Protein backbone atom coordinates (compact mmCIF):
# COMPACT_ATOMS: atom_id res chain seq x y z
CA MET A 1 13.71 132.16 83.91
CA ASN A 2 12.04 132.24 87.26
CA GLU A 3 13.16 129.79 90.03
CA PRO A 4 11.38 126.97 90.90
CA LEU A 5 9.47 127.90 93.80
CA TYR A 6 9.04 125.52 96.97
CA ALA A 7 6.59 124.99 99.93
CA GLY A 8 7.68 123.53 103.39
CA ILE A 9 5.03 122.88 106.30
CA GLU A 10 5.87 121.71 109.63
CA LEU A 11 2.83 120.41 110.90
CA GLY A 12 3.54 120.41 114.56
CA GLY A 13 1.37 119.28 117.58
CA THR A 14 1.38 122.55 119.08
CA LYS A 15 1.66 125.16 116.20
CA THR A 16 2.54 124.85 111.95
CA ILE A 17 4.73 126.71 110.38
CA CYS A 18 4.91 127.20 106.72
CA LEU A 19 8.09 128.81 104.57
CA ILE A 20 7.86 129.46 100.73
CA GLY A 21 11.07 130.21 98.94
CA THR A 22 13.69 128.80 95.94
CA GLY A 23 15.93 127.45 98.80
CA VAL A 24 16.97 127.62 102.46
CA ASP A 25 18.72 130.44 101.88
CA THR A 26 16.03 132.13 99.81
CA ILE A 27 12.88 132.68 101.81
CA ARG A 28 10.43 134.89 100.36
CA ASP A 29 7.19 134.06 102.58
CA GLN A 30 6.04 132.23 105.65
CA LEU A 31 3.14 131.40 107.80
CA GLN A 32 2.84 130.60 111.57
CA ILE A 33 -0.83 129.79 113.07
CA PRO A 34 -1.63 127.18 115.98
CA THR A 35 -2.20 124.07 114.73
CA THR A 36 -5.89 123.49 115.85
CA ASN A 37 -8.70 120.80 114.41
CA PRO A 38 -7.58 119.63 110.89
CA ALA A 39 -10.25 121.71 108.83
CA ASP A 40 -9.41 125.18 110.14
CA THR A 41 -5.42 124.34 110.24
CA LEU A 42 -5.37 122.29 106.60
CA GLY A 43 -7.62 125.56 105.15
CA GLN A 44 -4.95 127.86 106.12
CA ILE A 45 -2.27 126.41 104.71
CA HIS A 46 -4.06 126.27 101.16
CA THR A 47 -4.90 129.69 101.33
CA PHE A 48 -1.56 130.92 102.11
CA LEU A 49 0.05 128.18 99.43
CA ALA A 50 -2.69 128.69 96.89
CA SER A 51 -1.54 133.05 97.06
CA GLN A 52 1.93 132.09 96.23
CA GLY A 53 1.54 131.13 92.22
CA GLU A 54 3.09 128.03 91.11
CA LEU A 55 4.53 125.95 93.62
CA ALA A 56 7.25 123.28 92.16
CA GLY A 57 7.12 121.05 95.17
CA ILE A 58 5.36 120.90 98.87
CA GLY A 59 7.29 119.29 101.80
CA ILE A 60 5.34 118.42 104.57
CA GLY A 61 6.83 117.48 107.99
CA ALA A 62 4.35 116.10 110.12
CA PHE A 63 3.66 115.06 113.84
CA GLY A 64 2.55 111.34 114.31
CA PRO A 65 2.13 108.68 113.95
CA VAL A 66 1.71 109.76 110.08
CA ASN A 67 2.39 107.14 107.43
CA ILE A 68 5.21 107.58 105.54
CA ASP A 69 5.25 104.64 103.15
CA PRO A 70 4.90 106.69 99.58
CA GLU A 71 3.39 103.19 97.98
CA SER A 72 0.70 102.76 100.70
CA ALA A 73 -3.01 103.85 99.49
CA ASN A 74 -2.82 105.83 102.93
CA TYR A 75 0.39 107.46 102.63
CA GLY A 76 0.16 110.67 104.21
CA CYS A 77 -2.64 109.99 106.74
CA VAL A 78 -1.83 110.90 110.43
CA GLU A 79 -2.84 107.13 111.79
CA SER A 80 -3.88 106.95 115.33
CA THR A 81 -2.94 110.33 117.77
CA PRO A 82 -3.64 111.85 121.16
CA LYS A 83 -3.63 114.97 119.14
CA PRO A 84 -7.61 115.65 119.84
CA GLY A 85 -9.33 115.14 116.69
CA TRP A 86 -6.49 114.46 114.15
CA SER A 87 -6.70 110.41 113.77
CA TYR A 88 -6.60 109.00 110.24
CA THR A 89 -6.75 112.93 108.66
CA PRO A 90 -5.75 112.74 105.28
CA VAL A 91 -3.34 115.47 105.09
CA VAL A 92 -1.43 114.08 101.18
CA PRO A 93 -4.61 113.70 99.81
CA PHE A 94 -5.91 116.90 100.94
CA PHE A 95 -2.97 119.02 99.18
CA ARG A 96 -2.83 116.78 96.23
CA GLU A 97 -6.69 117.54 95.77
CA ARG A 98 -5.72 120.88 95.45
CA PHE A 99 -1.86 121.26 93.72
CA SER A 100 -0.62 119.63 90.77
CA CYS A 101 2.74 119.68 92.13
CA PRO A 102 5.27 116.66 93.58
CA ILE A 103 4.03 116.25 97.73
CA ASN A 104 6.65 114.40 99.80
CA LEU A 105 5.72 113.86 103.18
CA ASP A 106 7.86 112.70 106.30
CA THR A 107 7.40 113.45 110.05
CA ASP A 108 8.46 116.59 111.60
CA VAL A 109 11.76 115.06 113.67
CA ASN A 110 12.99 113.48 110.23
CA ALA A 111 12.73 117.08 108.41
CA ALA A 112 14.27 118.56 111.95
CA ALA A 113 17.31 115.99 111.39
CA ILE A 114 17.41 116.47 107.33
CA ALA A 115 18.07 119.95 108.65
CA GLU A 116 20.57 119.26 111.03
CA HIS A 117 22.61 116.96 109.12
CA GLN A 118 22.48 119.80 105.71
CA ARG A 119 23.16 122.91 107.90
CA GLY A 120 23.41 122.41 111.71
CA ASN A 121 24.91 120.39 114.28
CA GLY A 122 24.54 116.80 112.61
CA LYS A 123 26.85 118.68 109.59
CA GLY A 124 29.65 115.53 108.48
CA LEU A 125 27.81 112.83 110.94
CA ARG A 126 27.78 108.93 109.47
CA ASN A 127 24.70 108.69 112.27
CA PHE A 128 22.93 110.72 114.98
CA ILE A 129 19.53 110.95 116.64
CA TYR A 130 17.51 113.77 116.76
CA ILE A 131 14.78 114.28 119.49
CA THR A 132 12.03 116.87 119.93
CA VAL A 133 10.77 116.77 123.73
CA GLY A 134 7.48 119.48 123.30
CA THR A 135 3.88 118.84 123.53
CA GLY A 136 4.42 114.64 123.11
CA ILE A 137 8.03 113.20 122.68
CA GLY A 138 9.45 111.91 119.02
CA GLY A 139 12.95 110.66 117.33
CA GLY A 140 14.52 110.69 114.02
CA ALA A 141 17.61 108.58 113.46
CA LEU A 142 19.78 109.43 110.49
CA ILE A 143 21.88 106.32 109.53
CA GLU A 144 24.33 107.34 105.97
CA GLY A 145 22.53 110.13 105.87
CA ALA A 146 18.82 109.14 105.63
CA PRO A 147 16.05 108.43 108.22
CA VAL A 148 15.63 105.11 109.33
CA ARG A 149 12.11 104.21 108.15
CA GLY A 150 10.87 100.15 108.25
CA ASN A 151 7.46 99.23 108.43
CA SER A 152 6.59 102.76 109.48
CA HIS A 153 8.83 105.46 111.36
CA PRO A 154 10.43 105.03 114.73
CA GLU A 155 8.35 105.96 117.76
CA MET A 156 11.18 106.76 119.91
CA GLY A 157 9.19 108.65 122.16
CA HIS A 158 7.26 105.58 123.18
CA ILE A 159 10.38 103.37 124.82
CA ALA A 160 9.41 102.45 128.15
CA LEU A 161 11.31 104.23 131.19
CA PRO A 162 11.20 103.00 134.53
CA ARG A 163 9.62 104.93 137.37
CA HIS A 164 11.16 107.56 139.11
CA MET A 165 11.04 106.80 142.98
CA ALA A 166 9.40 109.92 143.80
CA ASP A 167 6.77 109.87 140.72
CA GLU A 168 5.15 106.00 141.22
CA THR A 169 1.32 107.23 141.39
CA PHE A 170 1.32 110.23 138.50
CA LEU A 171 -1.07 108.76 135.68
CA SER A 172 0.87 109.00 132.29
CA ALA A 173 0.32 111.60 129.97
CA CYS A 174 0.04 109.50 127.34
CA PRO A 175 -2.90 107.53 126.38
CA TYR A 176 -1.57 104.53 125.23
CA HIS A 177 0.96 103.53 127.46
CA GLN A 178 1.33 104.46 131.10
CA ASN A 179 5.42 104.42 131.57
CA CYS A 180 6.53 105.79 128.15
CA ALA A 181 9.23 108.95 127.82
CA GLU A 182 6.49 110.75 126.55
CA GLY A 183 3.71 110.17 129.02
CA LEU A 184 6.50 110.73 131.32
CA ALA A 185 8.77 113.75 130.37
CA SER A 186 6.90 115.41 127.50
CA GLY A 187 5.92 118.88 127.74
CA SER A 188 2.59 117.87 128.80
CA ALA A 189 3.60 115.31 131.18
CA LEU A 190 5.16 118.46 132.92
CA ARG A 191 2.29 120.47 132.55
CA LYS A 192 0.47 117.08 134.14
CA ARG A 193 2.94 116.59 136.82
CA TRP A 194 3.31 120.02 138.07
CA GLY A 195 1.13 122.84 136.75
CA MET A 196 3.29 124.76 134.57
CA PRO A 197 6.34 124.54 132.09
CA LEU A 198 9.71 123.61 133.61
CA ASN A 199 11.43 126.64 132.70
CA GLU A 200 9.01 128.78 135.16
CA PHE A 201 11.00 126.84 138.01
CA PRO A 202 13.56 127.89 140.56
CA PRO A 203 16.26 125.83 139.79
CA GLU A 204 16.20 123.61 143.25
CA HIS A 205 12.71 122.67 142.45
CA PRO A 206 12.76 118.40 141.86
CA ALA A 207 11.22 118.67 138.77
CA TRP A 208 14.33 119.42 137.08
CA ASP A 209 16.00 116.25 138.68
CA MET A 210 13.32 114.40 137.94
CA GLN A 211 13.21 115.35 133.91
CA ALA A 212 16.80 115.11 134.09
CA SER A 213 16.70 111.61 135.33
CA TYR A 214 13.75 110.73 132.78
CA LEU A 215 15.57 112.22 129.78
CA ALA A 216 19.05 110.00 131.02
CA GLU A 217 17.22 106.62 130.93
CA PHE A 218 15.83 107.75 127.62
CA PHE A 219 18.84 108.29 126.09
CA HIS A 220 20.92 105.92 128.07
CA SER A 221 18.17 103.34 125.95
CA LEU A 222 19.14 105.21 122.51
CA THR A 223 22.99 105.12 123.16
CA LEU A 224 23.47 101.63 123.27
CA LEU A 225 20.72 100.75 120.97
CA PHE A 226 22.05 103.13 118.31
CA SER A 227 25.58 103.62 119.23
CA PRO A 228 24.84 107.16 117.88
CA GLN A 229 27.34 109.76 117.22
CA ARG A 230 25.59 112.55 118.59
CA ILE A 231 22.33 113.40 120.00
CA ILE A 232 20.70 116.48 119.44
CA VAL A 233 17.90 117.57 121.78
CA GLY A 234 15.25 120.08 120.30
CA GLY A 235 11.68 120.96 121.10
CA GLY A 236 10.07 123.33 123.33
CA VAL A 237 10.90 121.51 126.71
CA SER A 238 14.91 121.67 125.73
CA SER A 239 17.48 123.75 126.99
CA GLU A 240 21.14 123.69 127.92
CA GLN A 241 20.25 124.46 131.41
CA LEU A 242 18.02 121.31 131.34
CA LEU A 243 20.73 119.25 129.39
CA ALA A 244 23.58 120.06 131.68
CA ARG A 245 21.55 118.10 133.97
CA VAL A 246 20.83 115.38 131.73
CA ARG A 247 24.03 114.90 130.53
CA THR A 248 25.52 114.76 134.20
CA ALA A 249 22.85 111.43 135.36
CA LEU A 250 23.37 109.78 131.50
CA HIS A 251 27.33 110.03 132.58
CA LYS A 252 26.03 108.26 136.34
CA LYS A 253 23.69 105.78 134.36
CA LEU A 254 26.56 104.53 131.68
CA ASN A 255 29.36 104.12 134.38
CA GLY A 256 31.56 104.23 131.99
CA TYR A 257 30.60 101.29 129.61
CA VAL A 258 30.87 103.56 126.84
CA ASP A 259 34.21 104.26 126.08
CA ALA A 260 33.60 107.51 123.85
CA LEU A 261 31.41 108.65 126.48
CA LYS A 262 33.42 108.35 129.82
CA LEU A 263 34.91 112.28 130.19
CA GLU A 264 32.35 114.92 130.70
CA ALA A 265 33.80 117.08 127.92
CA SER A 266 32.59 114.55 125.15
CA LEU A 267 28.79 114.92 126.57
CA GLU A 268 28.70 118.06 126.02
CA SER A 269 29.37 117.62 122.00
CA TYR A 270 27.26 113.85 122.31
CA LEU A 271 24.33 115.54 123.53
CA CYS A 272 23.65 119.16 122.27
CA LEU A 273 20.82 121.36 121.01
CA PRO A 274 19.92 121.90 117.73
CA GLU A 275 22.20 124.55 116.09
CA LEU A 276 19.12 125.54 114.16
CA ALA A 277 17.05 125.91 116.96
CA GLY A 278 13.56 126.45 116.26
CA ASN A 279 14.13 126.42 113.03
CA ALA A 280 15.42 122.99 111.78
CA GLY A 281 11.86 121.59 111.29
CA PRO A 282 10.39 124.15 108.96
CA LEU A 283 13.92 124.41 106.90
CA GLY A 284 13.52 120.75 106.43
CA SER A 285 10.05 120.44 105.43
CA LEU A 286 11.25 122.77 102.79
CA MET A 287 13.96 120.45 102.34
CA LEU A 288 11.73 117.86 101.60
CA ALA A 289 10.12 119.53 98.75
CA TYR A 290 13.27 119.70 96.77
CA PRO A 291 13.61 116.69 94.36
CA GLU A 292 16.83 114.67 95.75
CA TYR A 293 14.39 114.10 98.75
CA ARG A 294 11.68 112.33 96.84
CA ARG A 295 11.04 108.97 97.84
CA HIS A 296 8.41 108.69 94.85
């Protein structure tokens, strides 16, 4: 008897990755495509999944905002988003029309957090936060092993930050907010402000310290709000070179207020890269297909 075959779809703001496997250790096939418009992107995913034979479940980790309430009539639909052409796209309904298996959707950051909790730097922790700094900024909090959900999913990337003194005239990269983390410190903000990605600048360029300052302000707020055991920082902008600067800036901003973070050594563990690196989102999306992660 063949083992059940599952599909995971990480629908990211820049690229989409699909995995097919009987488990995270038995990946049989995969697809990576740019996330362009809904018709082309979802159509290519459908063609790939349909070629795999019968599926026992599909898990989707999607960029947001997206409706993650399985009781809602709009479950699995993208909501108002700065991603051109994607607002109100019915992602889960699209796949339900074409596949008879269960489909489970959550945010891409929650999917990555689930994978890190099972296989990475969140393993063994009661609570932690997963942040992705890429095209946008998103965050997921796992408390006692389960993602935090309320009326919707957290929108940590839209927490307001104080402006850096050298950045007062910059027009935010977020169309909704002038001073949110995503608008000031995402990959889109970096390109808009400086004209190229952070990793192309020499170490002495002021872009590094400005980015570190913004992320330290962001993580300062998350530390005081959630008291997490760890903050894991993924996404295309994240790097150890950047995090080293962020740790120094965060240490200064906390100013000894949080006892567990007084030493730089503890900050290296507290603020870290994902162990699974770029695989966290795709593997977490595949895990969402498993029966134990379904919420309906």
